[in-house]
Amino acid sequence: VGLMHSTFFDDGDYSCELDVNLDDIYTDESGCGSKVAGLFFFISFFLLHTYVLLNMLVVVVVDSYATVQQGTARSSSSGKSIEAFAEAWRRLDPAMTGKIPIGALRDLLCD
């Protein structure tokens, strides 16, 4: 309550602020904890996770590239379909007006 009171009303009483000594965080009286072991754990954890995330990024890029390549291969085969459609349209519209009779639509789609 004292910290909240001094935060809102700023009466100049800062006696309830925390005094943090970083040396006490790493090692206590029983000798538990080590700066070297903590640093080693942090660096190894950071490097391992960076390596995993980098590999995941590479997998996404390679997979996207493979998907695009498959689409390109598929579109080249669909080019033949487009040519067949254009040829069927030419047969039904020899004057090249861009229009065909509605009765010829079935012939166009069936070819």
Foldseek 3Di string as FASTA:
>chain_A
DVVVCCVVPVPVDPVPDDDDDVVCVQQPPVGPHDPVVVVVVVVVVVVVVVVVVVVVVVVVVVVVVVVVVVVVVVVVVCVVVVVLLVVLVCVQCVVPPVDGDPVCPVVSVVD
